[in-house]
Amino acid sequence: MFHNVVHFRAGFQYTVRTNLTVAAGYNDFWLANRHDGVYAGGKSVARSTSGAAGAHVGQEPDVQAVWTPSRTTQVNAGYGRLFAGEFLKKTTAGVPYSLVLLGVTQRF
């Protein structure tokens, strides 16, 4: 998701049945260097070269599911909500961000 961050994650996963796993997690993001910024996809999301914006980027709870309908197909879905920490509140609008993931993997 981000580059240039220190990332803490805690969570659990539960196997509902052999082809379905659900998980929940909590993520906490901190700048690796408070005089830099946050980057996603190679682009700057927010910067504070002075370091005055703090280092705490934000917290993000999420839920995820992995369904394997066949031996060659896997479907991943997830939702997370990033709540702005001190750094994002001072360098952006400080609003929460919704993060949605949907992916299909096909093995040949």
N, C-alpha and C. Protein backbone atom coordinates (compact mmCIF):
# COMPACT_ATOMS: atom_id res chain seq x y z
N MET A 1 0.82 -1.18 0.00
CA MET A 1 0.00 0.00 0.00
C MET A 1 0.86 1.25 0.00
N PHE A 2 1.71 1.42 1.01
CA PHE A 2 2.56 2.60 1.12
C PHE A 2 4.03 2.20 1.00
N HIS A 3 4.85 3.16 0.68
CA HIS A 3 6.31 3.00 0.71
C HIS A 3 6.82 3.95 1.78
N ASN A 4 8.01 3.70 2.31
CA ASN A 4 8.65 4.57 3.30
C ASN A 4 7.89 4.59 4.63
N VAL A 5 7.34 3.46 5.05
CA VAL A 5 6.64 3.41 6.33
C VAL A 5 7.12 2.22 7.15
N VAL A 6 6.94 2.33 8.44
CA VAL A 6 7.09 1.21 9.35
C VAL A 6 5.67 0.72 9.61
N HIS A 7 5.46 -0.57 9.44
CA HIS A 7 4.12 -1.14 9.46
C HIS A 7 4.02 -2.20 10.54
N PHE A 8 3.06 -2.04 11.45
CA PHE A 8 2.75 -3.04 12.47
C PHE A 8 1.42 -3.66 12.09
N ARG A 9 1.31 -4.98 12.14
CA ARG A 9 0.05 -5.67 11.82
C ARG A 9 -0.20 -6.78 12.83
N ALA A 10 -1.44 -6.84 13.28
CA ALA A 10 -1.89 -7.94 14.13
C ALA A 10 -3.23 -8.40 13.58
N GLY A 11 -3.52 -9.66 13.74
CA GLY A 11 -4.79 -10.15 13.23
C GLY A 11 -4.95 -11.64 13.46
N PHE A 12 -6.02 -12.17 12.90
CA PHE A 12 -6.27 -13.59 12.98
C PHE A 12 -6.97 -14.04 11.71
N GLN A 13 -6.90 -15.35 11.47
CA GLN A 13 -7.63 -15.90 10.34
C GLN A 13 -8.33 -17.16 10.78
N TYR A 14 -9.44 -17.44 10.14
CA TYR A 14 -10.28 -18.58 10.51
C TYR A 14 -10.66 -19.33 9.24
N THR A 15 -10.46 -20.62 9.25
CA THR A 15 -10.86 -21.45 8.12
C THR A 15 -12.30 -21.89 8.33
N VAL A 16 -13.21 -21.32 7.55
CA VAL A 16 -14.63 -21.63 7.66
C VAL A 16 -14.88 -23.04 7.15
N ARG A 17 -14.32 -23.35 5.99
CA ARG A 17 -14.31 -24.70 5.43
C ARG A 17 -13.04 -24.82 4.60
N THR A 18 -12.80 -25.97 4.03
CA THR A 18 -11.51 -26.20 3.37
C THR A 18 -11.21 -25.23 2.25
N ASN A 19 -12.23 -24.64 1.61
CA ASN A 19 -11.97 -23.73 0.50
C ASN A 19 -12.32 -22.27 0.80
N LEU A 20 -12.57 -21.95 2.07
CA LEU A 20 -12.91 -20.58 2.45
C LEU A 20 -12.24 -20.18 3.75
N THR A 21 -11.45 -19.11 3.67
CA THR A 21 -10.77 -18.57 4.85
C THR A 21 -11.15 -17.09 4.99
N VAL A 22 -11.46 -16.68 6.21
CA VAL A 22 -11.73 -15.26 6.48
C VAL A 22 -10.70 -14.77 7.49
N ALA A 23 -10.41 -13.47 7.43
CA ALA A 23 -9.39 -12.91 8.32
C ALA A 23 -9.77 -11.48 8.68
N ALA A 24 -9.29 -11.05 9.82
CA ALA A 24 -9.44 -9.66 10.25
C ALA A 24 -8.09 -9.20 10.77
N GLY A 25 -7.81 -7.93 10.55
CA GLY A 25 -6.51 -7.42 10.98
C GLY A 25 -6.57 -5.96 11.39
N TYR A 26 -5.53 -5.56 12.07
CA TYR A 26 -5.34 -4.17 12.49
C TYR A 26 -3.94 -3.77 12.04
N ASN A 27 -3.84 -2.64 11.34
CA ASN A 27 -2.57 -2.13 10.83
C ASN A 27 -2.30 -0.75 11.42
N ASP A 28 -1.05 -0.49 11.74
CA ASP A 28 -0.65 0.82 12.24
C ASP A 28 0.58 1.25 11.43
N PHE A 29 0.51 2.43 10.82
CA PHE A 29 1.56 2.92 9.92
C PHE A 29 2.26 4.15 10.50
N TRP A 30 3.59 4.13 10.45
CA TRP A 30 4.43 5.23 10.91
C TRP A 30 5.45 5.54 9.83
N LEU A 31 5.79 6.81 9.65
CA LEU A 31 6.84 7.17 8.70
C LEU A 31 8.17 6.58 9.14
N ALA A 32 8.92 6.06 8.19
CA ALA A 32 10.26 5.57 8.50
C ALA A 32 11.19 6.74 8.80
N ASN A 33 10.93 7.90 8.17
CA ASN A 33 11.71 9.11 8.39
C ASN A 33 10.74 10.28 8.40
N ARG A 34 10.56 10.91 9.52
CA ARG A 34 9.56 11.99 9.65
C ARG A 34 9.85 13.21 8.79
N HIS A 35 11.05 13.29 8.19
CA HIS A 35 11.41 14.40 7.29
C HIS A 35 11.15 14.05 5.82
N ASP A 36 10.39 13.01 5.59
CA ASP A 36 10.11 12.57 4.23
C ASP A 36 8.60 12.58 4.01
N GLY A 37 8.06 11.59 3.37
CA GLY A 37 6.64 11.56 3.07
C GLY A 37 6.14 10.14 2.89
N VAL A 38 4.91 10.04 2.43
CA VAL A 38 4.28 8.76 2.15
C VAL A 38 4.11 8.64 0.64
N TYR A 39 4.46 7.48 0.10
CA TYR A 39 4.39 7.25 -1.34
C TYR A 39 3.56 6.01 -1.61
N ALA A 40 2.75 6.06 -2.64
CA ALA A 40 1.96 4.90 -3.08
C ALA A 40 2.03 4.85 -4.59
N GLY A 41 2.34 3.71 -5.13
CA GLY A 41 2.44 3.57 -6.57
C GLY A 41 3.48 4.45 -7.21
N GLY A 42 4.56 4.76 -6.48
CA GLY A 42 5.62 5.58 -7.01
C GLY A 42 5.35 7.07 -6.99
N LYS A 43 4.21 7.47 -6.47
CA LYS A 43 3.87 8.90 -6.41
C LYS A 43 3.75 9.35 -4.96
N SER A 44 4.06 10.61 -4.73
CA SER A 44 3.96 11.17 -3.39
C SER A 44 2.50 11.40 -3.02
N VAL A 45 2.09 10.86 -1.87
CA VAL A 45 0.74 11.07 -1.34
C VAL A 45 0.75 12.30 -0.44
N ALA A 46 1.78 12.40 0.39
CA ALA A 46 1.92 13.53 1.32
C ALA A 46 3.38 13.64 1.72
N ARG A 47 3.84 14.89 1.94
CA ARG A 47 5.24 15.11 2.33
C ARG A 47 5.32 16.16 3.43
N SER A 48 6.36 16.02 4.25
CA SER A 48 6.68 17.03 5.25
C SER A 48 8.19 17.00 5.45
N THR A 49 8.91 17.75 4.62
CA THR A 49 10.37 17.73 4.70
C THR A 49 10.89 18.33 6.01
N SER A 50 10.09 19.18 6.66
CA SER A 50 10.53 19.77 7.92
C SER A 50 10.39 18.81 9.09
N GLY A 51 9.54 17.79 8.95
CA GLY A 51 9.31 16.85 10.04
C GLY A 51 8.27 17.32 11.04
N ALA A 52 7.70 18.51 10.83
CA ALA A 52 6.75 19.09 11.80
C ALA A 52 5.38 18.43 11.78
N ALA A 53 5.08 17.63 10.76
CA ALA A 53 3.76 17.01 10.66
C ALA A 53 3.63 15.74 11.49
N GLY A 54 4.71 15.34 12.16
CA GLY A 54 4.65 14.12 12.96
C GLY A 54 5.01 12.91 12.13
N ALA A 55 4.93 11.74 12.75
CA ALA A 55 5.33 10.51 12.08
C ALA A 55 4.21 9.47 11.97
N HIS A 56 3.13 9.63 12.75
CA HIS A 56 2.06 8.63 12.72
C HIS A 56 1.15 8.85 11.51
N VAL A 57 1.20 7.92 10.55
CA VAL A 57 0.42 8.03 9.32
C VAL A 57 -1.04 7.70 9.58
N GLY A 58 -1.31 6.59 10.25
CA GLY A 58 -2.70 6.23 10.53
C GLY A 58 -2.86 4.78 10.92
N GLN A 59 -4.13 4.42 11.17
CA GLN A 59 -4.50 3.07 11.57
C GLN A 59 -5.55 2.54 10.60
N GLU A 60 -5.48 1.23 10.35
CA GLU A 60 -6.40 0.64 9.39
C GLU A 60 -6.86 -0.74 9.82
N PRO A 61 -8.12 -0.87 10.23
CA PRO A 61 -8.68 -2.21 10.43
C PRO A 61 -9.14 -2.76 9.08
N ASP A 62 -9.07 -4.07 8.91
CA ASP A 62 -9.53 -4.65 7.65
C ASP A 62 -10.10 -6.04 7.83
N VAL A 63 -10.86 -6.48 6.84
CA VAL A 63 -11.38 -7.84 6.77
C VAL A 63 -11.06 -8.37 5.38
N GLN A 64 -10.80 -9.67 5.32
CA GLN A 64 -10.43 -10.29 4.06
C GLN A 64 -11.02 -11.68 3.98
N ALA A 65 -11.24 -12.15 2.76
CA ALA A 65 -11.71 -13.52 2.54
C ALA A 65 -10.97 -14.09 1.34
N VAL A 66 -10.65 -15.37 1.42
CA VAL A 66 -10.03 -16.09 0.31
C VAL A 66 -10.88 -17.32 0.05
N TRP A 67 -11.41 -17.42 -1.16
CA TRP A 67 -12.25 -18.54 -1.57
C TRP A 67 -11.55 -19.27 -2.69
N THR A 68 -11.45 -20.57 -2.58
CA THR A 68 -10.82 -21.40 -3.60
C THR A 68 -11.87 -22.34 -4.16
N PRO A 69 -12.59 -21.90 -5.21
CA PRO A 69 -13.67 -22.73 -5.75
C PRO A 69 -13.20 -23.97 -6.51
N SER A 70 -11.95 -23.95 -6.99
CA SER A 70 -11.39 -25.12 -7.68
C SER A 70 -9.90 -25.19 -7.41
N ARG A 71 -9.29 -26.25 -7.88
CA ARG A 71 -7.85 -26.44 -7.67
C ARG A 71 -7.02 -25.37 -8.37
N THR A 72 -7.58 -24.74 -9.41
CA THR A 72 -6.82 -23.77 -10.19
C THR A 72 -7.28 -22.32 -10.04
N THR A 73 -8.32 -22.07 -9.26
CA THR A 73 -8.88 -20.72 -9.14
C THR A 73 -8.95 -20.29 -7.68
N GLN A 74 -8.53 -19.04 -7.43
CA GLN A 74 -8.62 -18.47 -6.09
C GLN A 74 -9.15 -17.04 -6.20
N VAL A 75 -10.12 -16.71 -5.35
CA VAL A 75 -10.72 -15.38 -5.34
C VAL A 75 -10.41 -14.72 -3.99
N ASN A 76 -9.85 -13.51 -4.03
CA ASN A 76 -9.53 -12.74 -2.82
C ASN A 76 -10.40 -11.49 -2.79
N ALA A 77 -10.97 -11.18 -1.63
CA ALA A 77 -11.75 -9.96 -1.46
C ALA A 77 -11.43 -9.38 -0.10
N GLY A 78 -11.43 -8.05 -0.02
CA GLY A 78 -11.13 -7.43 1.26
C GLY A 78 -11.61 -6.00 1.32
N TYR A 79 -11.75 -5.51 2.54
CA TYR A 79 -12.14 -4.12 2.77
C TYR A 79 -11.37 -3.61 3.98
N GLY A 80 -10.86 -2.41 3.87
CA GLY A 80 -10.18 -1.77 4.98
C GLY A 80 -10.56 -0.30 5.05
N ARG A 81 -10.37 0.30 6.20
CA ARG A 81 -10.67 1.71 6.39
C ARG A 81 -9.46 2.34 7.08
N LEU A 82 -8.78 3.25 6.36
CA LEU A 82 -7.60 3.93 6.92
C LEU A 82 -8.04 5.21 7.60
N PHE A 83 -7.80 5.29 8.89
CA PHE A 83 -8.10 6.48 9.67
C PHE A 83 -6.82 7.29 9.83
N ALA A 84 -6.88 8.54 9.44
CA ALA A 84 -5.69 9.40 9.40
C ALA A 84 -5.09 9.60 10.79
N GLY A 85 -3.78 9.48 10.84
CA GLY A 85 -3.02 9.81 12.03
C GLY A 85 -2.56 11.25 11.95
N GLU A 86 -1.71 11.65 12.88
CA GLU A 86 -1.24 13.04 12.95
C GLU A 86 -0.64 13.52 11.63
N PHE A 87 0.19 12.68 10.99
CA PHE A 87 0.85 13.08 9.74
C PHE A 87 -0.17 13.39 8.64
N LEU A 88 -1.11 12.48 8.39
CA LEU A 88 -2.10 12.71 7.33
C LEU A 88 -3.06 13.85 7.67
N LYS A 89 -3.36 14.02 8.95
CA LYS A 89 -4.24 15.14 9.34
C LYS A 89 -3.57 16.48 9.05
N LYS A 90 -2.25 16.55 9.17
CA LYS A 90 -1.55 17.81 8.95
C LYS A 90 -1.13 18.04 7.50
N THR A 91 -1.06 16.99 6.69
CA THR A 91 -0.58 17.14 5.31
C THR A 91 -1.65 16.90 4.24
N THR A 92 -2.82 16.40 4.64
CA THR A 92 -3.92 16.17 3.70
C THR A 92 -5.21 16.66 4.36
N ALA A 93 -6.33 16.34 3.75
CA ALA A 93 -7.63 16.71 4.33
C ALA A 93 -7.92 15.95 5.62
N GLY A 94 -7.18 14.86 5.86
CA GLY A 94 -7.33 14.12 7.11
C GLY A 94 -8.57 13.24 7.18
N VAL A 95 -9.20 12.99 6.06
CA VAL A 95 -10.41 12.18 6.04
C VAL A 95 -10.05 10.69 5.98
N PRO A 96 -10.93 9.81 6.45
CA PRO A 96 -10.67 8.37 6.33
C PRO A 96 -10.72 7.93 4.86
N TYR A 97 -9.96 6.90 4.55
CA TYR A 97 -9.93 6.35 3.20
C TYR A 97 -10.47 4.93 3.23
N SER A 98 -11.32 4.57 2.28
CA SER A 98 -11.79 3.19 2.13
C SER A 98 -10.89 2.48 1.15
N LEU A 99 -10.50 1.26 1.48
CA LEU A 99 -9.63 0.46 0.65
C LEU A 99 -10.35 -0.83 0.29
N VAL A 100 -10.55 -1.08 -0.99
CA VAL A 100 -11.27 -2.26 -1.45
C VAL A 100 -10.34 -3.10 -2.31
N LEU A 101 -10.38 -4.41 -2.09
CA LEU A 101 -9.54 -5.34 -2.84
C LEU A 101 -10.41 -6.45 -3.40
N LEU A 102 -10.23 -6.74 -4.67
CA LEU A 102 -10.87 -7.88 -5.31
C LEU A 102 -9.89 -8.44 -6.32
N GLY A 103 -9.57 -9.69 -6.20
CA GLY A 103 -8.62 -10.30 -7.11
C GLY A 103 -8.96 -11.74 -7.42
N VAL A 104 -8.64 -12.15 -8.61
CA VAL A 104 -8.85 -13.54 -9.03
C VAL A 104 -7.52 -14.06 -9.56
N THR A 105 -7.12 -15.21 -9.06
CA THR A 105 -5.90 -15.86 -9.52
C THR A 105 -6.28 -17.15 -10.22
N GLN A 106 -5.78 -17.31 -11.44
CA GLN A 106 -6.04 -18.51 -12.21
C GLN A 106 -4.71 -19.19 -12.50
N ARG A 107 -4.57 -20.41 -12.08
CA ARG A 107 -3.33 -21.19 -12.34
C ARG A 107 -3.53 -22.08 -13.55
N PHE A 108 -2.52 -22.13 -14.40
CA PHE A 108 -2.59 -22.97 -15.60
C PHE A 108 -1.60 -24.10 -15.52
